């Protein structure tokens, strides 16, 4: 053997030892958080880990073991970018925050507690998901991340659904936030004008099912990057007729509460009122072809003088459950052609009132239009020839023809 020969492993080890902490940090940047923690074999590697910009790999805290690992990472990997905080297991919870729900606090008084406030050490955090975590009260530390892009809070069908308390004003601590997702939270409060501090960054807002959120949806009309806005089942108000040509310039999805004039579930006082709202929606959509009015429908108010039900003298009560007038109105699309129609709550429709002309046969989308048109027309049965709800007399006549003896 040649005494000058160096074993390959020693050569590799020597080269690795010559790497500085910055080079090691770049290498660690290709690994997930768990792998980086295992790779910290000496002081140099531990220092490199502290400098590492950890890839966007979600670290999910769903047990006490994972919680303890995250505590260790808060000093060993402070540049972690994506965290999901979930349940800890039976008999365990996070320490109560300020102004906790006293009933929940009493029921969990004997639980083993864990302090969540250390999470604010992750100053480069980009995505925070709170997925059914056992939190109770207000936690300022959860809303203090200067680089956060995405905040998701989900508590649907969870025993802690009303326990995490926060106000939209606290989002000022997330100056780069792009996506906000918080649904079905009765403990979320505030006015949506608090979102104006995020005007230049917000692209997606879904705070549906949060009834204590108020304000006017038009306060967000000049947000230059807003693509999705879902405010269903909130106390937000406004009027869709206020939407101008330059408002919501990049919006692709809009879901409003019924408290907005012309919003989903809007109740018309007269059948003749409906075309005006429809024309407004049509104008908005024509200015923004990619816009989807998600969940939109309108309906005739039961207080309307146009309202009627099946004649009791002609039909037994059992018929009232499934034979109702077509007092609901929906938008309809076939290809790029837009229209609207009246229909029953169980989707028995009238004829479509088209707002666009039929595309020409030479059009590239003509075949798609015809295909979708056939599907639409095949569903028209009882109300053939009717482009709006029939009169009460006509309705009872149709019902007799269909179900009479």
Protein backbone atom coordinates (compact mmCIF):
# COMPACT_ATOMS: atom_id res chain seq x y z
CA UNK A 1 0.00 0.00 0.00
CA UNK A 2 1.07 3.56 -0.71
CA UNK A 3 1.29 5.41 2.62
CA UNK A 4 0.35 8.67 0.85
CA UNK A 5 -3.03 7.31 -0.20
CA UNK A 6 -5.93 8.85 1.75
CA UNK A 7 -9.13 6.81 2.15
CA UNK A 8 -12.04 8.30 0.22
CA UNK A 9 -14.13 8.70 3.37
CA UNK A 10 -11.38 10.72 5.04
CA UNK A 11 -11.02 12.87 1.90
CA UNK A 12 -14.76 13.60 1.86
CA UNK A 13 -14.80 14.26 5.58
CA UNK A 14 -11.87 16.65 5.25
CA UNK A 15 -13.58 18.56 2.43
CA UNK A 16 -16.78 18.76 4.44
CA UNK A 17 -14.91 20.04 7.47
CA UNK A 18 -13.48 22.88 5.38
CA UNK A 19 -16.97 24.18 4.54
CA UNK A 20 -17.98 27.33 6.37
CA UNK A 21 -21.29 27.78 8.17
CA UNK A 22 -22.76 29.75 5.26
CA UNK A 23 -22.03 26.93 2.81
CA UNK A 24 -23.47 24.39 5.23
CA UNK A 25 -26.56 26.54 5.67
CA UNK A 26 -27.04 26.49 1.88
CA UNK A 27 -26.77 22.69 1.87
CA UNK A 28 -29.21 22.38 4.77
CA UNK A 29 -31.60 24.54 2.73
CA UNK A 30 -32.33 21.48 0.58
CA UNK A 31 -33.48 19.43 3.59
CA UNK A 32 -36.69 19.32 5.58
CA UNK A 33 -36.79 20.53 9.21
CA UNK A 34 -36.57 17.03 10.73
CA UNK A 35 -33.57 16.13 8.55
CA UNK A 36 -31.77 19.35 9.46
CA UNK A 37 -32.27 18.67 13.17
CA UNK A 38 -30.74 15.21 12.76
CA UNK A 39 -27.80 16.61 10.78
CA UNK A 40 -26.60 18.95 13.54
CA UNK A 41 -23.65 16.77 14.59
CA UNK A 42 -21.30 19.45 15.88
CA UNK A 43 -21.15 23.13 16.84
CA UNK A 44 -20.45 24.28 13.28
CA UNK A 45 -23.49 22.40 11.96
CA UNK A 46 -25.64 23.73 14.78
CA UNK A 47 -24.58 27.29 13.92
CA UNK A 48 -25.26 26.60 10.24
CA UNK A 49 -28.74 25.30 11.08
CA UNK A 50 -29.53 28.57 12.84
CA UNK A 51 -28.71 30.42 9.61
CA UNK A 52 -30.59 28.03 7.33
CA UNK A 53 -33.61 29.35 5.48
CA UNK A 54 -35.72 26.22 5.89
CA UNK A 55 -37.68 25.26 2.72
CA UNK A 56 -41.46 25.72 2.62
CA UNK A 57 -42.14 22.34 4.19
CA UNK A 58 -45.00 22.22 6.68
CA UNK A 59 -44.10 21.17 10.21
CA UNK A 60 -47.29 20.03 11.91
CA UNK A 61 -47.66 20.09 15.70
CA UNK A 62 -50.28 17.42 16.45
CA UNK A 63 -48.86 15.81 19.59
CA UNK A 64 -46.85 16.66 22.69
CA UNK A 65 -43.77 15.14 21.05
CA UNK A 66 -44.12 17.43 18.05
CA UNK A 67 -44.71 20.41 20.34
CA UNK A 68 -41.44 19.70 22.17
CA UNK A 69 -39.69 19.38 18.81
CA UNK A 70 -41.01 22.78 17.75
CA UNK A 71 -39.79 24.33 20.99
CA UNK A 72 -36.30 22.99 20.20
CA UNK A 73 -36.54 24.30 16.64
CA UNK A 74 -37.38 27.79 17.87
CA UNK A 75 -33.72 28.20 18.82
CA UNK A 76 -32.11 25.56 16.59
CA UNK A 77 -34.05 26.42 13.38
CA UNK A 78 -35.40 29.94 13.93
CA UNK A 79 -35.88 30.43 10.16
CA UNK A 80 -38.62 27.79 9.88
CA UNK A 81 -41.14 29.12 7.35
CA UNK A 82 -44.25 26.93 7.60
CA UNK A 83 -45.98 25.74 10.78
CA UNK A 84 -49.30 24.01 11.42
CA UNK A 85 -50.56 23.97 15.01
CA UNK A 86 -53.17 21.33 15.78
CA UNK A 87 -54.44 19.27 18.71
CA UNK A 88 -52.06 17.94 21.36
CA UNK A 89 -54.01 14.89 22.52
CA UNK A 90 -56.50 14.13 25.28
CA UNK A 91 -55.80 15.94 28.54
CA UNK A 92 -53.37 18.46 26.99
CA UNK A 93 -53.91 22.07 25.96
CA UNK A 94 -52.11 25.33 25.34
CA UNK A 95 -52.02 27.82 28.20
CA UNK A 96 -55.06 30.07 28.27
CA UNK A 97 -54.58 33.47 26.66
CA UNK A 98 -55.97 36.81 27.72
CA UNK A 99 -59.74 37.03 28.25
CA UNK A 100 -60.37 33.26 28.04
CA UNK A 101 -63.79 31.62 27.87
CA UNK A 102 -64.41 30.89 31.55
CA UNK A 103 -66.56 27.84 30.90
CA UNK A 104 -63.92 26.19 28.74
CA UNK A 105 -61.18 27.21 31.17
CA UNK A 106 -63.04 25.52 34.04
CA UNK A 107 -63.58 22.31 32.06
CA UNK A 108 -59.88 22.10 31.18
CA UNK A 109 -58.44 23.32 34.48
CA UNK A 110 -56.77 19.95 35.16
CA UNK A 111 -55.25 19.60 31.69
CA UNK A 112 -51.47 19.67 31.24
CA UNK A 113 -50.66 23.07 29.70
CA UNK A 114 -48.06 24.20 27.18
CA UNK A 115 -47.01 27.79 26.45
CA UNK A 116 -47.59 28.65 22.78
CA UNK A 117 -46.14 32.18 22.97
CA UNK A 118 -42.64 30.95 22.06
CA UNK A 119 -43.89 30.63 18.47
CA UNK A 120 -43.16 34.32 17.92
CA UNK A 121 -39.44 33.43 17.83
CA UNK A 122 -39.91 32.27 14.23
CA UNK A 123 -39.38 35.71 12.69
CA UNK A 124 -39.17 34.42 9.11
CA UNK A 125 -42.43 32.47 9.25
CA UNK A 126 -44.35 32.64 5.95
CA UNK A 127 -47.31 30.33 6.61
CA UNK A 128 -49.19 29.67 9.86
CA UNK A 129 -52.07 27.22 10.04
CA UNK A 130 -54.17 26.83 13.19
CA UNK A 131 -56.07 23.59 12.69
CA UNK A 132 -58.35 22.85 15.67
CA UNK A 133 -55.71 23.81 18.28
CA UNK A 134 -56.84 23.80 21.96
CA UNK A 135 -56.53 27.57 22.41
CA UNK A 136 -58.68 29.72 24.69
CA UNK A 137 -58.57 33.52 24.73
CA UNK A 138 -56.45 36.10 22.93
CA UNK A 139 -52.87 35.40 21.82
CA UNK A 140 -50.96 38.41 20.50
CA UNK A 141 -47.96 36.16 19.73
CA UNK A 142 -49.93 34.44 16.95
CA UNK A 143 -50.27 37.71 15.04
CA UNK A 144 -46.73 39.09 15.18
CA UNK A 145 -44.83 37.83 12.13
CA UNK A 146 -43.32 40.50 9.87
CA UNK A 147 -42.90 38.15 6.87
CA UNK A 148 -46.08 36.05 7.13
CA UNK A 149 -47.86 35.53 3.79
CA UNK A 150 -50.61 33.08 4.74
CA UNK A 151 -52.77 32.76 7.86
CA UNK A 152 -55.31 29.94 8.06
CA UNK A 153 -57.53 29.38 11.11
CA UNK A 154 -59.94 26.44 11.02
CA UNK A 155 -62.21 25.36 13.85
CA UNK A 156 -65.25 23.81 12.17
CA UNK A 157 -67.08 21.28 14.39
CA UNK A 158 -64.49 21.63 17.15
CA UNK A 159 -65.06 21.99 20.90
CA UNK A 160 -62.84 25.10 20.86
CA UNK A 161 -64.73 26.72 17.96
CA UNK A 162 -65.66 29.87 19.92
CA UNK A 163 -62.59 30.05 22.16
CA UNK A 164 -59.86 31.68 20.04
CA UNK A 165 -60.72 35.36 20.29
CA UNK A 166 -59.26 37.96 17.96
CA UNK A 167 -60.10 41.16 16.13
CA UNK A 168 -59.25 42.08 12.55
CA UNK A 169 -57.26 45.06 13.84
CA UNK A 170 -54.52 42.73 15.09
CA UNK A 171 -53.63 41.85 11.47
CA UNK A 172 -51.58 45.04 11.42
CA UNK A 173 -48.88 42.82 12.95
CA UNK A 174 -48.74 40.84 9.67
CA UNK A 175 -47.75 43.60 7.19
CA UNK A 176 -46.99 41.25 4.26
CA UNK A 177 -50.09 39.02 4.57
CA UNK A 178 -51.39 37.79 1.21
CA UNK A 179 -53.93 35.10 2.16
CA UNK A 180 -56.37 35.19 5.07
CA UNK A 181 -58.56 32.18 5.73
CA UNK A 182 -60.74 32.09 8.86
CA UNK A 183 -64.21 30.54 8.61
CA UNK A 184 -67.03 29.76 11.05
CA UNK A 185 -65.52 31.63 13.99
CA UNK A 186 -68.05 33.46 16.14
CA UNK A 187 -65.25 34.90 18.26
CA UNK A 188 -63.71 36.84 15.37
CA UNK A 189 -64.75 40.49 15.58
CA UNK A 190 -63.98 43.73 13.80
CA UNK A 191 -64.67 45.86 10.77
CA UNK A 192 -63.26 44.91 7.38
CA UNK A 193 -61.89 48.40 6.97
CA UNK A 194 -59.15 47.15 9.35
CA UNK A 195 -57.85 45.20 6.35
CA UNK A 196 -56.88 48.43 4.63
CA UNK A 197 -53.44 48.28 6.28
CA UNK A 198 -52.93 45.24 4.00
CA UNK A 199 -54.30 46.90 0.86
CA UNK A 200 -51.16 46.37 -1.23
CA UNK A 201 -50.60 42.70 -0.30
CA UNK A 202 -53.91 40.88 0.20
CA UNK A 203 -54.85 38.50 -2.63
CA UNK A 204 -57.32 36.17 -0.88
CA UNK A 205 -59.76 36.84 1.97
CA UNK A 206 -62.19 34.21 3.25
CA UNK A 207 -63.82 35.11 6.56
CA UNK A 208 -67.16 33.49 5.81
CA UNK A 209 -69.28 32.29 8.71
CA UNK A 210 -67.96 34.97 11.08
CA UNK A 211 -71.16 36.83 12.05
CA UNK A 212 -69.48 39.50 14.19
CA UNK A 213 -67.42 40.88 11.28
CA UNK A 214 -69.02 44.09 9.98
CA UNK A 215 -68.31 46.95 7.59
CA UNK A 216 -68.98 47.73 3.94
CA UNK A 217 -67.50 45.39 1.32
CA UNK A 218 -66.72 48.40 -0.88
CA UNK A 219 -63.97 49.34 1.60
CA UNK A 220 -61.88 46.72 -0.23
CA UNK A 221 -62.77 47.87 -3.75
CA UNK A 222 -59.41 49.50 -4.45
CA UNK A 223 -57.23 46.54 -3.36
CA UNK A 224 -54.98 46.06 -6.42
CA UNK A 225 -54.15 42.36 -5.87
CA UNK A 226 -57.37 40.98 -4.40
CA UNK A 227 -58.47 37.90 -6.37
CA UNK A 228 -60.86 36.13 -3.99
CA UNK A 229 -63.26 37.68 -1.48
CA UNK A 230 -65.66 35.51 0.53
CA UNK A 231 -67.76 37.34 3.12
CA UNK A 232 -70.75 34.98 3.29
CA UNK A 233 -72.61 34.76 6.60
CA UNK A 234 -70.97 37.88 8.01
CA UNK A 235 -72.65 41.16 9.02
CA UNK A 236 -70.98 43.06 6.18
CA UNK A 237 -73.27 45.40 4.25
CA UNK A 238 -73.17 47.40 1.02
CA UNK A 239 -74.80 47.58 -2.39
CA UNK A 240 -73.52 45.79 -5.50
CA UNK A 241 -74.80 48.73 -7.56
CA UNK A 242 -71.92 50.74 -6.08
CA UNK A 243 -69.31 48.61 -7.88
CA UNK A 244 -67.74 50.81 -10.54
CA UNK A 245 -65.72 49.91 -13.59
CA UNK A 246 -62.40 50.45 -11.77
CA UNK A 247 -63.36 48.69 -8.55
CA UNK A 248 -61.98 45.24 -7.66
CA UNK A 249 -59.70 45.26 -10.72
CA UNK A 250 -58.26 41.75 -10.25
CA UNK A 251 -61.19 39.96 -8.56
CA UNK A 252 -61.98 36.43 -9.77
CA UNK A 253 -64.32 35.19 -7.02
CA UNK A 254 -66.88 37.19 -5.05
CA UNK A 255 -69.17 35.74 -2.38
CA UNK A 256 -71.18 38.28 -0.41
CA UNK A 257 -73.66 37.93 2.48
CA UNK A 258 -77.40 38.45 2.06
CA UNK A 259 -77.05 41.68 4.09
CA UNK A 260 -75.50 43.26 0.98
CA UNK A 261 -78.10 44.64 -1.42
CA UNK A 262 -77.97 42.32 -4.40
CA UNK A 263 -75.85 39.74 -2.58
CA UNK A 264 -76.56 35.98 -2.52
CA UNK A 265 -79.97 35.31 -1.02
CA UNK A 266 -81.16 38.85 -1.72
CA UNK A 267 -84.94 39.07 -1.34
CA UNK A 268 -86.88 40.95 -4.00
CA UNK A 269 -90.08 42.75 -3.05
CA UNK A 270 -91.49 42.40 -6.55
CA UNK A 271 -90.77 40.00 -9.40
CA UNK A 272 -90.22 43.05 -11.59
CA UNK A 273 -87.31 44.17 -9.33
CA UNK A 274 -85.14 41.21 -10.29
CA UNK A 275 -84.01 42.24 -13.80
CA UNK A 276 -82.42 45.43 -12.44
CA UNK A 277 -80.15 43.50 -10.05
CA UNK A 278 -79.38 40.95 -12.73
CA UNK A 279 -78.34 43.66 -15.17
CA UNK A 280 -76.00 45.08 -12.51
CA UNK A 281 -74.40 41.65 -11.98
CA UNK A 282 -74.16 41.20 -15.74
CA UNK A 283 -72.42 44.54 -16.19
CA UNK A 284 -69.92 43.72 -13.43
CA UNK A 285 -69.17 40.34 -14.98
CA UNK A 286 -68.78 41.76 -18.48
CA UNK A 287 -66.15 44.17 -17.14
CA UNK A 288 -64.40 41.24 -15.43
CA UNK A 289 -64.91 38.11 -17.58
CA UNK A 290 -63.09 35.83 -15.12
CA UNK A 291 -65.22 36.85 -12.14
CA UNK A 292 -67.25 34.10 -10.48
CA UNK A 293 -70.24 35.14 -8.35
CA UNK A 294 -70.00 32.15 -6.07
CA UNK A 295 -73.20 31.00 -4.33
CA UNK A 296 -75.25 33.81 -5.90
CA UNK A 297 -79.02 33.52 -6.06
CA UNK A 298 -81.99 35.76 -5.35
CA UNK A 299 -85.50 35.00 -4.18
CA UNK A 300 -88.89 36.59 -3.87
CA UNK A 301 -89.70 37.79 -0.37
CA UNK A 302 -92.59 36.10 1.41
CA UNK A 303 -93.78 39.62 2.23
CA UNK A 304 -94.04 40.45 -1.48
CA UNK A 305 -97.50 41.15 -2.92
CA UNK A 306 -96.45 38.77 -5.74
CA UNK A 307 -95.99 35.87 -3.31
CA UNK A 308 -98.46 32.94 -3.34
CA UNK A 309 -98.58 29.25 -2.50
CA UNK A 310 -100.46 26.23 -3.82
CA UNK A 311 -104.23 26.55 -3.47
CA UNK A 312 -105.33 24.67 -0.32
CA UNK A 313 -108.72 23.96 -1.80
CA UNK A 314 -107.21 22.21 -4.81
CA UNK A 315 -104.38 20.24 -3.16
CA UNK A 316 -103.78 18.45 0.12
CA UNK A 317 -101.00 19.68 2.42
CA UNK A 318 -98.62 16.92 1.29
CA UNK A 319 -98.36 18.58 -2.15
CA UNK A 320 -97.17 21.86 -0.63
CA UNK A 321 -93.89 20.23 0.43
CA UNK A 322 -92.65 19.53 -3.09
CA UNK A 323 -94.77 21.69 -5.43
CA UNK A 324 -93.79 25.32 -4.92
CA UNK A 325 -93.71 28.29 -7.31
CA UNK A 326 -90.41 29.20 -9.05
CA UNK A 327 -89.53 32.12 -6.79
CA UNK A 328 -85.73 31.68 -6.84
CA UNK A 329 -83.51 33.29 -9.47
CA UNK A 330 -80.07 32.08 -10.63
CA UNK A 331 -77.46 33.09 -13.17
CA UNK A 332 -76.96 30.69 -16.08
CA UNK A 333 -74.03 30.26 -18.46
CA UNK A 334 -73.68 28.33 -21.70
CA UNK A 335 -70.20 28.82 -23.05
CA UNK A 336 -69.59 32.54 -22.63
CA UNK A 337 -73.29 33.39 -23.02
CA UNK A 338 -74.82 34.65 -19.78
CA UNK A 339 -78.46 34.71 -18.73
CA UNK A 340 -80.74 34.13 -15.76
CA UNK A 341 -83.80 32.13 -14.94
CA UNK A 342 -86.41 31.66 -12.24
CA UNK A 343 -86.67 28.24 -10.65
CA UNK A 344 -88.04 26.42 -7.62
CA UNK A 345 -85.91 25.72 -4.57
CA UNK A 346 -85.50 22.15 -5.82
CA UNK A 347 -84.29 23.27 -9.26
CA UNK A 348 -87.41 23.07 -11.42
CA UNK A 349 -86.64 25.94 -13.83
CA UNK A 350 -88.40 28.36 -16.11
CA UNK A 351 -86.98 29.35 -19.49
CA UNK A 352 -83.69 31.27 -19.59
CA UNK A 353 -83.66 35.02 -20.14
CA UNK A 354 -80.47 35.46 -22.15
CA UNK A 355 -78.48 38.66 -21.76
CA UNK A 356 -75.96 37.87 -24.52
CA UNK A 357 -76.65 37.07 -28.17
CA UNK A 358 -76.09 33.53 -29.35
CA UNK A 359 -72.50 33.01 -30.57
CA UNK A 360 -72.11 32.62 -34.32
CA UNK A 361 -71.73 29.19 -35.88
CA UNK A 362 -68.22 30.11 -36.96
CA UNK A 363 -67.24 30.87 -33.36
CA UNK A 364 -64.61 28.61 -31.78
CA UNK A 365 -66.86 28.06 -28.77
CA UNK A 366 -70.09 27.39 -30.66
CA UNK A 367 -69.98 23.62 -30.13
CA UNK A 368 -69.40 24.05 -26.39
CA UNK A 369 -72.26 26.53 -26.23
CA UNK A 370 -74.68 24.17 -28.02
CA UNK A 371 -73.64 21.27 -25.79
CA UNK A 372 -74.23 23.22 -22.60
CA UNK A 373 -77.42 24.80 -23.96
CA UNK A 374 -78.96 21.36 -24.53
CA UNK A 375 -78.32 20.42 -20.90
CA UNK A 376 -79.97 23.65 -19.74
CA UNK A 377 -83.03 23.26 -21.97
CA UNK A 378 -83.54 19.59 -21.10
CA UNK A 379 -84.32 20.58 -17.51
CA UNK A 380 -87.23 22.86 -18.48
CA UNK A 381 -90.44 20.86 -18.10
CA UNK A 382 -93.35 22.25 -16.11
CA UNK A 383 -92.57 25.89 -16.88
CA UNK A 384 -91.97 25.64 -20.62
CA UNK A 385 -92.73 28.98 -22.22
CA UNK A 386 -92.46 30.90 -18.94
CA UNK A 387 -89.58 33.36 -18.60
CA UNK A 388 -90.71 34.52 -15.16
CA UNK A 389 -92.91 32.97 -12.45
CA UNK A 390 -96.46 32.29 -13.66
CA UNK A 391 -99.39 34.08 -12.08
CA UNK A 392 -101.11 32.34 -9.20
CA UNK A 393 -103.92 31.23 -11.48
CA UNK A 394 -101.49 29.87 -14.08
CA UNK A 395 -99.48 28.07 -11.41
CA UNK A 396 -102.48 26.24 -10.00
CA UNK A 397 -103.60 25.33 -13.52
CA UNK A 398 -100.18 23.83 -14.28
CA UNK A 399 -100.20 21.96 -10.98
CA UNK A 400 -103.64 20.51 -11.74
CA UNK A 401 -102.51 19.40 -15.18
CA UNK A 402 -99.52 17.63 -13.64
CA UNK A 403 -100.95 16.21 -10.42
CA UNK A 404 -104.70 16.61 -10.59
CA UNK A 405 -107.02 13.64 -10.68
